[in-house]
PDB file of N, CA and C in Angstrom:
ATOM      1  N   MET A   1      14.409  -1.583 -24.770  1.00  0.00           N
ATOM      2  CA  MET A   1      14.853  -1.118 -23.490  1.00  0.00           C
ATOM      3  C   MET A   1      13.702  -0.547 -22.661  1.00  0.00           C
ATOM      4  N   ILE A   2      12.791   0.143 -23.314  1.00  0.00           N
ATOM      5  CA  ILE A   2      11.680   0.760 -22.597  1.00  0.00           C
ATOM      6  C   ILE A   2      10.809  -0.305 -21.940  1.00  0.00           C
ATOM      7  N   LYS A   3      10.565  -1.391 -22.668  1.00  0.00           N
ATOM      8  CA  LYS A   3       9.749  -2.472 -22.109  1.00  0.00           C
ATOM      9  C   LYS A   3      10.458  -3.151 -20.938  1.00  0.00           C
ATOM     10  N   GLU A   4      11.756  -3.355 -21.069  1.00  0.00           N
ATOM     11  CA  GLU A   4      12.515  -3.985 -19.984  1.00  0.00           C
ATOM     12  C   GLU A   4      12.550  -3.092 -18.746  1.00  0.00           C
ATOM     13  N   PHE A   5      12.684  -1.789 -18.948  1.00  0.00           N
ATOM     14  CA  PHE A   5      12.648  -0.850 -17.834  1.00  0.00           C
ATOM     15  C   PHE A   5      11.296  -0.950 -17.119  1.00  0.00           C
ATOM     16  N   GLY A   6      10.227  -0.948 -17.887  1.00  0.00           N
ATOM     17  CA  GLY A   6       8.891  -1.043 -17.309  1.00  0.00           C
ATOM     18  C   GLY A   6       8.680  -2.327 -16.531  1.00  0.00           C
ATOM     19  N   LYS A   7       9.172  -3.433 -17.070  1.00  0.00           N
ATOM     20  CA  LYS A   7       9.056  -4.719 -16.374  1.00  0.00           C
ATOM     21  C   LYS A   7       9.806  -4.680 -15.046  1.00  0.00           C
ATOM     22  N   LYS A   8      10.971  -4.055 -15.056  1.00  0.00           N
ATOM     23  CA  LYS A   8      11.781  -3.951 -13.845  1.00  0.00           C
ATOM     24  C   LYS A   8      11.064  -3.114 -12.789  1.00  0.00           C
ATOM     25  N   VAL A   9      10.506  -1.982 -13.203  1.00  0.00           N
ATOM     26  CA  VAL A   9       9.768  -1.117 -12.280  1.00  0.00           C
ATOM     27  C   VAL A   9       8.593  -1.886 -11.676  1.00  0.00           C
ATOM     28  N   ARG A  10       7.839  -2.555 -12.531  1.00  0.00           N
ATOM     29  CA  ARG A  10       6.669  -3.304 -12.062  1.00  0.00           C
ATOM     30  C   ARG A  10       7.063  -4.403 -11.075  1.00  0.00           C
ATOM     31  N   ALA A  11       8.108  -5.145 -11.402  1.00  0.00           N
ATOM     32  CA  ALA A  11       8.539  -6.246 -10.531  1.00  0.00           C
ATOM     33  C   ALA A  11       8.952  -5.730  -9.149  1.00  0.00           C
ATOM     34  N   ILE A  12       9.692  -4.641  -9.119  1.00  0.00           N
ATOM     35  CA  ILE A  12      10.125  -4.087  -7.835  1.00  0.00           C
ATOM     36  C   ILE A  12       8.936  -3.513  -7.080  1.00  0.00           C
ATOM     37  N   ARG A  13       8.037  -2.837  -7.797  1.00  0.00           N
ATOM     38  CA  ARG A  13       6.837  -2.273  -7.145  1.00  0.00           C
ATOM     39  C   ARG A  13       6.028  -3.375  -6.475  1.00  0.00           C
ATOM     40  N   ILE A  14       5.828  -4.465  -7.175  1.00  0.00           N
ATOM     41  CA  ILE A  14       5.054  -5.584  -6.630  1.00  0.00           C
ATOM     42  C   ILE A  14       5.793  -6.210  -5.449  1.00  0.00           C
ATOM     43  N   LYS A  15       7.103  -6.343  -5.572  1.00  0.00           N
ATOM     44  CA  LYS A  15       7.903  -6.890  -4.469  1.00  0.00           C
ATOM     45  C   LYS A  15       7.781  -6.024  -3.216  1.00  0.00           C
ATOM     46  N   ARG A  16       7.584  -4.738  -3.411  1.00  0.00           N
ATOM     47  CA  ARG A  16       7.429  -3.798  -2.295  1.00  0.00           C
ATOM     48  C   ARG A  16       5.975  -3.706  -1.816  1.00  0.00           C
ATOM     49  N   ASN A  17       5.111  -4.532  -2.388  1.00  0.00           N
ATOM     50  CA  ASN A  17       3.689  -4.573  -2.030  1.00  0.00           C
ATOM     51  C   ASN A  17       2.989  -3.234  -2.235  1.00  0.00           C
ATOM     52  N   MET A  18       3.345  -2.549  -3.304  1.00  0.00           N
ATOM     53  CA  MET A  18       2.693  -1.287  -3.645  1.00  0.00           C
ATOM     54  C   MET A  18       1.733  -1.526  -4.796  1.00  0.00           C
ATOM     55  N   THR A  19       0.532  -0.997  -4.669  1.00  0.00           N
ATOM     56  CA  THR A  19      -0.399  -1.074  -5.788  1.00  0.00           C
ATOM     57  C   THR A  19       0.023  -0.051  -6.832  1.00  0.00           C
ATOM     58  N   LEU A  20      -0.489  -0.212  -8.014  1.00  0.00           N
ATOM     59  CA  LEU A  20      -0.200   0.740  -9.088  1.00  0.00           C
ATOM     60  C   LEU A  20      -0.678   2.130  -8.690  1.00  0.00           C
ATOM     61  N   GLU A  21      -1.825   2.196  -8.065  1.00  0.00           N
ATOM     62  CA  GLU A  21      -2.384   3.480  -7.638  1.00  0.00           C
ATOM     63  C   GLU A  21      -1.518   4.140  -6.563  1.00  0.00           C
ATOM     64  N   GLU A  22      -1.074   3.360  -5.586  1.00  0.00           N
ATOM     65  CA  GLU A  22      -0.204   3.913  -4.540  1.00  0.00           C
ATOM     66  C   GLU A  22       1.086   4.465  -5.139  1.00  0.00           C
ATOM     67  N   PHE A  23       1.658   3.705  -6.044  1.00  0.00           N
ATOM     68  CA  PHE A  23       2.899   4.126  -6.686  1.00  0.00           C
ATOM     69  C   PHE A  23       2.676   5.389  -7.508  1.00  0.00           C
ATOM     70  N   ALA A  24       1.604   5.431  -8.272  1.00  0.00           N
ATOM     71  CA  ALA A  24       1.293   6.608  -9.094  1.00  0.00           C
ATOM     72  C   ALA A  24       1.096   7.844  -8.222  1.00  0.00           C
ATOM     73  N   ASN A  25       0.449   7.679  -7.095  1.00  0.00           N
ATOM     74  CA  ASN A  25       0.196   8.817  -6.202  1.00  0.00           C
ATOM     75  C   ASN A  25       1.475   9.416  -5.640  1.00  0.00           C
ATOM     76  N   THR A  26       2.525   8.614  -5.494  1.00  0.00           N
ATOM     77  CA  THR A  26       3.780   9.150  -4.963  1.00  0.00           C
ATOM     78  C   THR A  26       4.433  10.118  -5.951  1.00  0.00           C
ATOM     79  N   PHE A  27       4.047  10.044  -7.220  1.00  0.00           N
ATOM     80  CA  PHE A  27       4.588  10.925  -8.262  1.00  0.00           C
ATOM     81  C   PHE A  27       3.592  11.966  -8.727  1.00  0.00           C
ATOM     82  N   ASP A  28       2.386  11.905  -8.186  1.00  0.00           N
ATOM     83  CA  ASP A  28       1.315  12.783  -8.638  1.00  0.00           C
ATOM     84  C   ASP A  28       1.054  12.586 -10.138  1.00  0.00           C
ATOM     85  N   LEU A  29       1.123  11.314 -10.552  1.00  0.00           N
ATOM     86  CA  LEU A  29       0.808  10.943 -11.926  1.00  0.00           C
ATOM     87  C   LEU A  29      -0.489  10.140 -11.927  1.00  0.00           C
ATOM     88  N   HIS A  30      -1.175  10.167 -13.048  1.00  0.00           N
ATOM     89  CA  HIS A  30      -2.375   9.349 -13.190  1.00  0.00           C
ATOM     90  C   HIS A  30      -1.965   7.884 -13.279  1.00  0.00           C
ATOM     91  N   VAL A  31      -2.757   7.025 -12.695  1.00  0.00           N
ATOM     92  CA  VAL A  31      -2.463   5.595 -12.686  1.00  0.00           C
ATOM     93  C   VAL A  31      -2.289   5.055 -14.106  1.00  0.00           C
ATOM     94  N   ASN A  32      -3.030   5.586 -15.068  1.00  0.00           N
ATOM     95  CA  ASN A  32      -2.891   5.127 -16.454  1.00  0.00           C
ATOM     96  C   ASN A  32      -1.512   5.440 -17.017  1.00  0.00           C
ATOM     97  N   GLN A  33      -0.952   6.576 -16.642  1.00  0.00           N
ATOM     98  CA  GLN A  33       0.381   6.947 -17.117  1.00  0.00           C
ATOM     99  C   GLN A  33       1.438   5.991 -16.568  1.00  0.00           C
ATOM    100  N   VAL A  34       1.339   5.662 -15.293  1.00  0.00           N
ATOM    101  CA  VAL A  34       2.290   4.726 -14.702  1.00  0.00           C
ATOM    102  C   VAL A  34       2.107   3.343 -15.321  1.00  0.00           C
ATOM    103  N   GLY A  35       0.889   2.967 -15.597  1.00  0.00           N
ATOM    104  CA  GLY A  35       0.630   1.697 -16.273  1.00  0.00           C
ATOM    105  C   GLY A  35       1.296   1.645 -17.635  1.00  0.00           C
ATOM    106  N   ARG A  36       1.239   2.750 -18.373  1.00  0.00           N
ATOM    107  CA  ARG A  36       1.906   2.806 -19.688  1.00  0.00           C
ATOM    108  C   ARG A  36       3.420   2.698 -19.536  1.00  0.00           C
ATOM    109  N   ILE A  37       3.960   3.297 -18.484  1.00  0.00           N
ATOM    110  CA  ILE A  37       5.403   3.188 -18.237  1.00  0.00           C
ATOM    111  C   ILE A  37       5.766   1.735 -17.953  1.00  0.00           C
ATOM    112  N   GLU A  38       4.999   1.076 -17.102  1.00  0.00           N
ATOM    113  CA  GLU A  38       5.278  -0.314 -16.754  1.00  0.00           C
ATOM    114  C   GLU A  38       5.112  -1.262 -17.932  1.00  0.00           C
ATOM    115  N   ARG A  39       4.247  -0.935 -18.859  1.00  0.00           N
ATOM    116  CA  ARG A  39       4.058  -1.771 -20.053  1.00  0.00           C
ATOM    117  C   ARG A  39       5.048  -1.420 -21.156  1.00  0.00           C
ATOM    118  N   GLY A  40       5.860  -0.396 -20.934  1.00  0.00           N
ATOM    119  CA  GLY A  40       6.844  -0.004 -21.938  1.00  0.00           C
ATOM    120  C   GLY A  40       6.249   0.732 -23.111  1.00  0.00           C
ATOM    121  N   GLU A  41       5.132   1.392 -22.898  1.00  0.00           N
ATOM    122  CA  GLU A  41       4.455   2.114 -23.972  1.00  0.00           C
ATOM    123  C   GLU A  41       4.859   3.579 -24.046  1.00  0.00           C
ATOM    124  N   THR A  42       5.571   4.048 -23.025  1.00  0.00           N
ATOM    125  CA  THR A  42       5.996   5.441 -23.004  1.00  0.00           C
ATOM    126  C   THR A  42       7.378   5.539 -22.376  1.00  0.00           C
ATOM    127  N   ASN A  43       8.123   6.497 -22.837  1.00  0.00           N
ATOM    128  CA  ASN A  43       9.465   6.727 -22.330  1.00  0.00           C
ATOM    129  C   ASN A  43       9.396   7.664 -21.130  1.00  0.00           C
ATOM    130  N   VAL A  44      10.360   7.575 -20.234  1.00  0.00           N
ATOM    131  CA  VAL A  44      10.394   8.460 -19.070  1.00  0.00           C
ATOM    132  C   VAL A  44      11.688   9.263 -19.089  1.00  0.00           C
ATOM    133  N   THR A  45      11.648  10.399 -18.428  1.00  0.00           N
ATOM    134  CA  THR A  45      12.842  11.235 -18.341  1.00  0.00           C
ATOM    135  C   THR A  45      13.783  10.680 -17.281  1.00  0.00           C
ATOM    136  N   ILE A  46      15.006  11.110 -17.357  1.00  0.00           N
ATOM    137  CA  ILE A  46      15.997  10.692 -16.370  1.00  0.00           C
ATOM    138  C   ILE A  46      15.571  11.116 -14.971  1.00  0.00           C
ATOM    139  N   SER A  47      14.908  12.249 -14.872  1.00  0.00           N
ATOM    140  CA  SER A  47      14.425  12.712 -13.568  1.00  0.00           C
ATOM    141  C   SER A  47      13.451  11.711 -12.962  1.00  0.00           C
ATOM    142  N   TYR A  48      12.536  11.185 -13.781  1.00  0.00           N
ATOM    143  CA  TYR A  48      11.575  10.204 -13.270  1.00  0.00           C
ATOM    144  C   TYR A  48      12.239   8.877 -12.935  1.00  0.00           C
ATOM    145  N   ILE A  49      13.284   8.524 -13.674  1.00  0.00           N
ATOM    146  CA  ILE A  49      13.996   7.285 -13.352  1.00  0.00           C
ATOM    147  C   ILE A  49      14.564   7.387 -11.940  1.00  0.00           C
ATOM    148  N   PHE A  50      15.209   8.507 -11.643  1.00  0.00           N
ATOM    149  CA  PHE A  50      15.785   8.682 -10.311  1.00  0.00           C
ATOM    150  C   PHE A  50      14.700   8.793  -9.242  1.00  0.00           C
ATOM    151  N   LEU A  51      13.602   9.461  -9.546  1.00  0.00           N
ATOM    152  CA  LEU A  51      12.510   9.592  -8.592  1.00  0.00           C
ATOM    153  C   LEU A  51      11.859   8.237  -8.317  1.00  0.00           C
ATOM    154  N   MET A  52      11.623   7.453  -9.369  1.00  0.00           N
ATOM    155  CA  MET A  52      11.038   6.123  -9.193  1.00  0.00           C
ATOM    156  C   MET A  52      11.960   5.240  -8.354  1.00  0.00           C
ATOM    157  N   ALA A  53      13.241   5.304  -8.641  1.00  0.00           N
ATOM    158  CA  ALA A  53      14.198   4.501  -7.883  1.00  0.00           C
ATOM    159  C   ALA A  53      14.133   4.861  -6.405  1.00  0.00           C
ATOM    160  N   LYS A  54      14.084   6.148  -6.115  1.00  0.00           N
ATOM    161  CA  LYS A  54      14.024   6.601  -4.724  1.00  0.00           C
ATOM    162  C   LYS A  54      12.759   6.084  -4.038  1.00  0.00           C
ATOM    163  N   LYS A  55      11.626   6.200  -4.716  1.00  0.00           N
ATOM    164  CA  LYS A  55      10.352   5.755  -4.134  1.00  0.00           C
ATOM    165  C   LYS A  55      10.310   4.246  -3.946  1.00  0.00           C
ATOM    166  N   LEU A  56      11.049   3.513  -4.794  1.00  0.00           N
ATOM    167  CA  LEU A  56      11.084   2.055  -4.689  1.00  0.00           C
ATOM    168  C   LEU A  56      12.180   1.566  -3.743  1.00  0.00           C
ATOM    169  N   GLY A  57      13.047   2.481  -3.299  1.00  0.00           N
ATOM    170  CA  GLY A  57      14.110   2.102  -2.382  1.00  0.00           C
ATOM    171  C   GLY A  57      15.261   1.371  -3.037  1.00  0.00           C
ATOM    172  N   VAL A  58      15.519   1.697  -4.308  1.00  0.00           N
ATOM    173  CA  VAL A  58      16.632   1.088  -5.035  1.00  0.00           C
ATOM    174  C   VAL A  58      17.463   2.192  -5.687  1.00  0.00           C
ATOM    175  N   ASN A  59      18.609   1.815  -6.223  1.00  0.00           N
ATOM    176  CA  ASN A  59      19.411   2.748  -6.999  1.00  0.00           C
ATOM    177  C   ASN A  59      18.875   2.829  -8.421  1.00  0.00           C
ATOM    178  N   ALA A  60      19.048   3.970  -9.042  1.00  0.00           N
ATOM    179  CA  ALA A  60      18.594   4.136 -10.429  1.00  0.00           C
ATOM    180  C   ALA A  60      19.224   3.086 -11.332  1.00  0.00           C
ATOM    181  N   LYS A  61      20.481   2.742 -11.069  1.00  0.00           N
ATOM    182  CA  LYS A  61      21.152   1.736 -11.900  1.00  0.00           C
ATOM    183  C   LYS A  61      20.457   0.384 -11.818  1.00  0.00           C
ATOM    184  N   ASP A  62      19.798   0.103 -10.688  1.00  0.00           N
ATOM    185  CA  ASP A  62      19.061  -1.158 -10.553  1.00  0.00           C
ATOM    186  C   ASP A  62      17.878  -1.227 -11.517  1.00  0.00           C
ATOM    187  N   LEU A  63      17.272  -0.084 -11.784  1.00  0.00           N
ATOM    188  CA  LEU A  63      16.143  -0.049 -12.721  1.00  0.00           C
ATOM    189  C   LEU A  63      16.611  -0.184 -14.163  1.00  0.00           C
ATOM    190  N   LEU A  64      17.877   0.148 -14.399  1.00  0.00           N
ATOM    191  CA  LEU A  64      18.401   0.125 -15.754  1.00  0.00           C
ATOM    192  C   LEU A  64      19.306  -1.084 -16.016  1.00  0.00           C
ATOM    193  N   ASP A  65      19.386  -1.996 -15.068  1.00  0.00           N
ATOM    194  CA  ASP A  65      20.247  -3.160 -15.188  1.00  0.00           C
ATOM    195  C   ASP A  65      19.475  -4.314 -15.813  1.00  0.00           C
ATOM    196  N   PHE A  66      19.534  -4.385 -17.132  1.00  0.00           N
ATOM    197  CA  PHE A  66      18.889  -5.482 -17.869  1.00  0.00           C
ATOM    198  C   PHE A  66      19.658  -5.721 -19.153  1.00  0.00           C
ATOM    199  N   ASP A  67      19.437  -6.873 -19.738  1.00  0.00           N
ATOM    200  CA  ASP A  67      20.145  -7.247 -20.981  1.00  0.00           C
ATOM    201  C   ASP A  67      19.400  -6.757 -22.194  1.00  0.00           C
TER     202      ASP A  67
END
């Protein structure tokens, strides 16, 4: 699930034409940390799921909608 979540975040970020650095800066996180999230190497809190969804302009459920 963590890897699928990361893939979803990355796909939406790219669709929104945001670089990894731009996206990381919106959360005041290091770009390496966001990269680990997108690769599914680290888990995120529910708070970050909702924050990421807001910054990407989607609902949190959209980030969690995968098989």
